[in-house]
Amino acid sequence: MGFFLFDMAAGKVGGAIVLNKQFYAPSETGSLIYLNAQPDLQIILDRVEAAGGTILRPKTIISEEQNLGYWALIKDTEGNRIALHSMN
């Protein structure tokens, strides 16, 4: 089990990842989680392939008209899809 560190006193949100082959199997068709990749998701995208992952969709603006930021889609080394979001 791994934890995403966060500042609970400041009202921040955290999470955890768990490896348990009895209950979970990697999937490209399962739930898609979005991770906050502030300040700029490109910083993370620049590290994906060197870490063994795959960029499925590069940094993409969500809306030209609204200030909704950017998103990208990656596949991790276990085969899970993960979406990233940042405002820059």
N, C-alpha and C. Protein backbone atom coordinates (compact mmCIF):
# COMPACT_ATOMS: atom_id res chain seq x y z
N MET A 1 0.85 -1.17 0.00
CA MET A 1 0.00 0.00 0.00
C MET A 1 0.89 1.23 0.00
N GLY A 2 0.52 2.19 -0.81
CA GLY A 2 1.24 3.46 -0.85
C GLY A 2 0.26 4.60 -0.65
N PHE A 3 0.69 5.61 0.04
CA PHE A 3 -0.16 6.76 0.34
C PHE A 3 0.29 7.99 -0.40
N PHE A 4 -0.66 8.78 -0.87
CA PHE A 4 -0.38 10.09 -1.43
C PHE A 4 -0.40 11.06 -0.25
N LEU A 5 0.74 11.64 0.05
CA LEU A 5 0.83 12.53 1.20
C LEU A 5 0.02 13.80 0.96
N PHE A 6 -0.54 14.33 2.03
CA PHE A 6 -1.35 15.53 1.92
C PHE A 6 -1.37 16.25 3.26
N ASP A 7 -1.81 17.49 3.25
CA ASP A 7 -1.88 18.31 4.45
C ASP A 7 -3.33 18.33 4.93
N MET A 8 -3.67 17.36 5.78
CA MET A 8 -5.05 17.23 6.25
C MET A 8 -5.49 18.48 7.03
N ALA A 9 -4.59 19.09 7.79
CA ALA A 9 -4.95 20.27 8.58
C ALA A 9 -5.37 21.43 7.69
N ALA A 10 -4.84 21.48 6.46
CA ALA A 10 -5.19 22.55 5.52
C ALA A 10 -6.37 22.17 4.63
N GLY A 11 -7.00 21.02 4.89
CA GLY A 11 -8.16 20.60 4.12
C GLY A 11 -7.82 19.99 2.78
N LYS A 12 -6.59 19.55 2.58
CA LYS A 12 -6.19 18.94 1.32
C LYS A 12 -6.70 17.51 1.24
N VAL A 13 -6.72 16.96 0.03
CA VAL A 13 -7.23 15.62 -0.22
C VAL A 13 -6.07 14.68 -0.51
N GLY A 14 -6.12 13.50 0.06
CA GLY A 14 -5.09 12.49 -0.17
C GLY A 14 -5.70 11.23 -0.75
N GLY A 15 -4.92 10.19 -0.76
CA GLY A 15 -5.42 8.92 -1.28
C GLY A 15 -4.39 7.84 -1.08
N ALA A 16 -4.67 6.67 -1.62
CA ALA A 16 -3.76 5.54 -1.49
C ALA A 16 -3.89 4.65 -2.71
N ILE A 17 -2.85 3.88 -2.96
CA ILE A 17 -2.90 2.85 -3.98
C ILE A 17 -2.58 1.52 -3.31
N VAL A 18 -3.24 0.46 -3.77
CA VAL A 18 -3.12 -0.83 -3.12
C VAL A 18 -2.85 -1.90 -4.17
N LEU A 19 -1.93 -2.80 -3.87
CA LEU A 19 -1.69 -3.95 -4.73
C LEU A 19 -2.20 -5.18 -3.99
N ASN A 20 -3.22 -5.80 -4.53
CA ASN A 20 -3.78 -7.02 -3.97
C ASN A 20 -4.34 -7.81 -5.14
N LYS A 21 -3.58 -8.77 -5.63
CA LYS A 21 -3.96 -9.51 -6.84
C LYS A 21 -5.27 -10.27 -6.68
N GLN A 22 -5.68 -10.53 -5.46
CA GLN A 22 -6.94 -11.22 -5.22
C GLN A 22 -8.14 -10.33 -5.52
N PHE A 23 -8.00 -9.01 -5.36
CA PHE A 23 -9.13 -8.11 -5.50
C PHE A 23 -9.05 -7.16 -6.69
N TYR A 24 -7.84 -6.88 -7.21
CA TYR A 24 -7.69 -5.87 -8.24
C TYR A 24 -6.88 -6.41 -9.41
N ALA A 25 -7.29 -6.06 -10.62
CA ALA A 25 -6.55 -6.42 -11.82
C ALA A 25 -6.39 -5.16 -12.67
N PRO A 26 -5.18 -4.89 -13.18
CA PRO A 26 -5.01 -3.74 -14.05
C PRO A 26 -5.98 -3.79 -15.23
N SER A 27 -6.39 -2.62 -15.70
CA SER A 27 -7.37 -2.59 -16.78
C SER A 27 -7.29 -1.30 -17.57
N GLU A 28 -7.48 -1.40 -18.86
CA GLU A 28 -7.61 -0.22 -19.72
C GLU A 28 -9.08 0.17 -19.88
N THR A 29 -10.00 -0.63 -19.36
CA THR A 29 -11.42 -0.37 -19.55
C THR A 29 -12.16 -0.15 -18.24
N GLY A 30 -11.45 -0.13 -17.13
CA GLY A 30 -12.09 0.07 -15.83
C GLY A 30 -12.29 1.54 -15.54
N SER A 31 -12.47 1.85 -14.29
CA SER A 31 -12.66 3.24 -13.85
C SER A 31 -11.47 4.09 -14.26
N LEU A 32 -11.74 5.33 -14.62
CA LEU A 32 -10.69 6.26 -14.99
C LEU A 32 -10.60 7.31 -13.89
N ILE A 33 -9.46 7.36 -13.22
CA ILE A 33 -9.29 8.36 -12.18
C ILE A 33 -8.53 9.55 -12.76
N TYR A 34 -8.84 10.72 -12.26
CA TYR A 34 -8.16 11.95 -12.64
C TYR A 34 -7.33 12.40 -11.46
N LEU A 35 -6.05 12.64 -11.70
CA LEU A 35 -5.16 13.11 -10.65
C LEU A 35 -4.82 14.57 -10.88
N ASN A 36 -4.79 15.33 -9.80
CA ASN A 36 -4.40 16.72 -9.83
C ASN A 36 -2.91 16.77 -10.13
N ALA A 37 -2.52 17.39 -11.23
CA ALA A 37 -1.12 17.43 -11.65
C ALA A 37 -0.59 18.87 -11.65
N GLN A 38 -1.05 19.66 -10.70
CA GLN A 38 -0.59 21.05 -10.58
C GLN A 38 0.89 21.07 -10.27
N PRO A 39 1.66 22.02 -10.68
CA PRO A 39 1.20 23.24 -11.34
C PRO A 39 1.05 23.10 -12.85
N ASP A 40 1.67 22.07 -13.45
CA ASP A 40 1.59 21.89 -14.91
C ASP A 40 1.76 20.41 -15.22
N LEU A 41 0.75 19.78 -15.78
CA LEU A 41 0.81 18.34 -16.04
C LEU A 41 1.93 17.94 -17.00
N GLN A 42 2.46 18.89 -17.75
CA GLN A 42 3.56 18.57 -18.66
C GLN A 42 4.79 18.08 -17.90
N ILE A 43 4.97 18.56 -16.68
CA ILE A 43 6.10 18.11 -15.84
C ILE A 43 6.02 16.61 -15.62
N ILE A 44 4.82 16.11 -15.39
CA ILE A 44 4.62 14.67 -15.19
C ILE A 44 4.73 13.93 -16.52
N LEU A 45 4.11 14.46 -17.57
CA LEU A 45 4.18 13.81 -18.88
C LEU A 45 5.63 13.63 -19.34
N ASP A 46 6.49 14.57 -19.01
CA ASP A 46 7.89 14.48 -19.41
C ASP A 46 8.61 13.31 -18.75
N ARG A 47 8.02 12.73 -17.71
CA ARG A 47 8.65 11.62 -16.99
C ARG A 47 8.01 10.26 -17.27
N VAL A 48 6.87 10.24 -17.93
CA VAL A 48 6.08 9.01 -18.10
C VAL A 48 6.84 7.93 -18.85
N GLU A 49 7.32 8.22 -20.03
CA GLU A 49 7.94 7.19 -20.86
C GLU A 49 9.24 6.66 -20.25
N ALA A 50 10.03 7.53 -19.61
CA ALA A 50 11.26 7.08 -18.96
C ALA A 50 10.96 6.14 -17.79
N ALA A 51 9.77 6.27 -17.20
CA ALA A 51 9.36 5.41 -16.09
C ALA A 51 8.67 4.14 -16.57
N GLY A 52 8.53 3.96 -17.89
CA GLY A 52 7.92 2.75 -18.43
C GLY A 52 6.47 2.87 -18.81
N GLY A 53 5.88 4.05 -18.66
CA GLY A 53 4.49 4.26 -19.03
C GLY A 53 4.35 4.70 -20.48
N THR A 54 3.11 4.95 -20.88
CA THR A 54 2.80 5.36 -22.25
C THR A 54 1.88 6.57 -22.21
N ILE A 55 2.15 7.55 -23.04
CA ILE A 55 1.24 8.70 -23.16
C ILE A 55 0.20 8.35 -24.21
N LEU A 56 -1.05 8.25 -23.79
CA LEU A 56 -2.14 7.91 -24.71
C LEU A 56 -2.74 9.16 -25.35
N ARG A 57 -2.75 10.26 -24.61
CA ARG A 57 -3.23 11.54 -25.14
C ARG A 57 -2.34 12.62 -24.53
N PRO A 58 -1.68 13.42 -25.35
CA PRO A 58 -0.80 14.46 -24.82
C PRO A 58 -1.60 15.58 -24.15
N LYS A 59 -0.90 16.52 -23.58
CA LYS A 59 -1.54 17.68 -22.94
C LYS A 59 -2.51 18.34 -23.92
N THR A 60 -3.76 18.46 -23.49
CA THR A 60 -4.83 18.95 -24.36
C THR A 60 -5.68 19.96 -23.60
N ILE A 61 -5.93 21.10 -24.21
CA ILE A 61 -6.80 22.09 -23.57
C ILE A 61 -8.22 21.53 -23.52
N ILE A 62 -8.90 21.76 -22.40
CA ILE A 62 -10.26 21.22 -22.23
C ILE A 62 -11.27 22.07 -22.98
N SER A 63 -11.15 23.39 -22.91
CA SER A 63 -12.10 24.27 -23.57
C SER A 63 -11.40 25.58 -23.93
N GLU A 64 -11.56 26.01 -25.15
CA GLU A 64 -11.01 27.31 -25.57
C GLU A 64 -11.78 28.46 -24.93
N GLU A 65 -13.08 28.28 -24.69
CA GLU A 65 -13.94 29.35 -24.19
C GLU A 65 -13.94 29.48 -22.68
N GLN A 66 -13.75 28.39 -21.97
CA GLN A 66 -13.82 28.40 -20.52
C GLN A 66 -12.44 28.13 -19.93
N ASN A 67 -12.22 28.61 -18.76
CA ASN A 67 -10.93 28.40 -18.08
C ASN A 67 -10.99 27.11 -17.28
N LEU A 68 -10.90 25.96 -17.98
CA LEU A 68 -11.00 24.66 -17.32
C LEU A 68 -9.66 23.94 -17.25
N GLY A 69 -8.63 24.51 -17.84
CA GLY A 69 -7.31 23.91 -17.77
C GLY A 69 -7.06 22.89 -18.86
N TYR A 70 -6.17 21.94 -18.53
CA TYR A 70 -5.70 20.95 -19.49
C TYR A 70 -5.82 19.55 -18.91
N TRP A 71 -5.81 18.56 -19.81
CA TRP A 71 -5.84 17.18 -19.36
C TRP A 71 -4.94 16.35 -20.27
N ALA A 72 -4.57 15.19 -19.79
CA ALA A 72 -3.79 14.22 -20.57
C ALA A 72 -4.17 12.84 -20.07
N LEU A 73 -3.84 11.83 -20.87
CA LEU A 73 -4.17 10.45 -20.51
C LEU A 73 -2.91 9.61 -20.67
N ILE A 74 -2.59 8.83 -19.64
CA ILE A 74 -1.42 7.96 -19.68
C ILE A 74 -1.82 6.54 -19.33
N LYS A 75 -0.93 5.60 -19.66
CA LYS A 75 -1.09 4.22 -19.21
C LYS A 75 0.12 3.91 -18.37
N ASP A 76 -0.11 3.40 -17.16
CA ASP A 76 1.00 3.10 -16.26
C ASP A 76 1.64 1.76 -16.61
N THR A 77 2.67 1.38 -15.87
CA THR A 77 3.41 0.16 -16.18
C THR A 77 2.60 -1.11 -15.95
N GLU A 78 1.50 -1.01 -15.22
CA GLU A 78 0.64 -2.17 -14.98
C GLU A 78 -0.51 -2.26 -15.97
N GLY A 79 -0.66 -1.24 -16.82
CA GLY A 79 -1.72 -1.27 -17.83
C GLY A 79 -2.96 -0.48 -17.48
N ASN A 80 -2.93 0.30 -16.41
CA ASN A 80 -4.07 1.14 -16.02
C ASN A 80 -4.02 2.48 -16.74
N ARG A 81 -5.19 2.99 -17.14
CA ARG A 81 -5.28 4.34 -17.68
C ARG A 81 -5.43 5.31 -16.52
N ILE A 82 -4.75 6.44 -16.61
CA ILE A 82 -4.83 7.48 -15.59
C ILE A 82 -4.91 8.82 -16.30
N ALA A 83 -5.87 9.63 -15.91
CA ALA A 83 -6.00 10.99 -16.48
C ALA A 83 -5.32 11.98 -15.56
N LEU A 84 -4.73 13.00 -16.14
CA LEU A 84 -4.08 14.06 -15.37
C LEU A 84 -4.77 15.38 -15.70
N HIS A 85 -4.83 16.28 -14.72
CA HIS A 85 -5.43 17.60 -14.93
C HIS A 85 -4.58 18.66 -14.26
N SER A 86 -4.43 19.79 -14.94
CA SER A 86 -3.81 20.98 -14.33
C SER A 86 -4.39 22.21 -15.01
N MET A 87 -4.26 23.34 -14.35
CA MET A 87 -4.77 24.58 -14.91
C MET A 87 -3.80 25.18 -15.91
N ASN A 88 -2.54 24.85 -15.82
CA ASN A 88 -1.51 25.39 -16.75
C ASN A 88 -1.04 24.30 -17.70
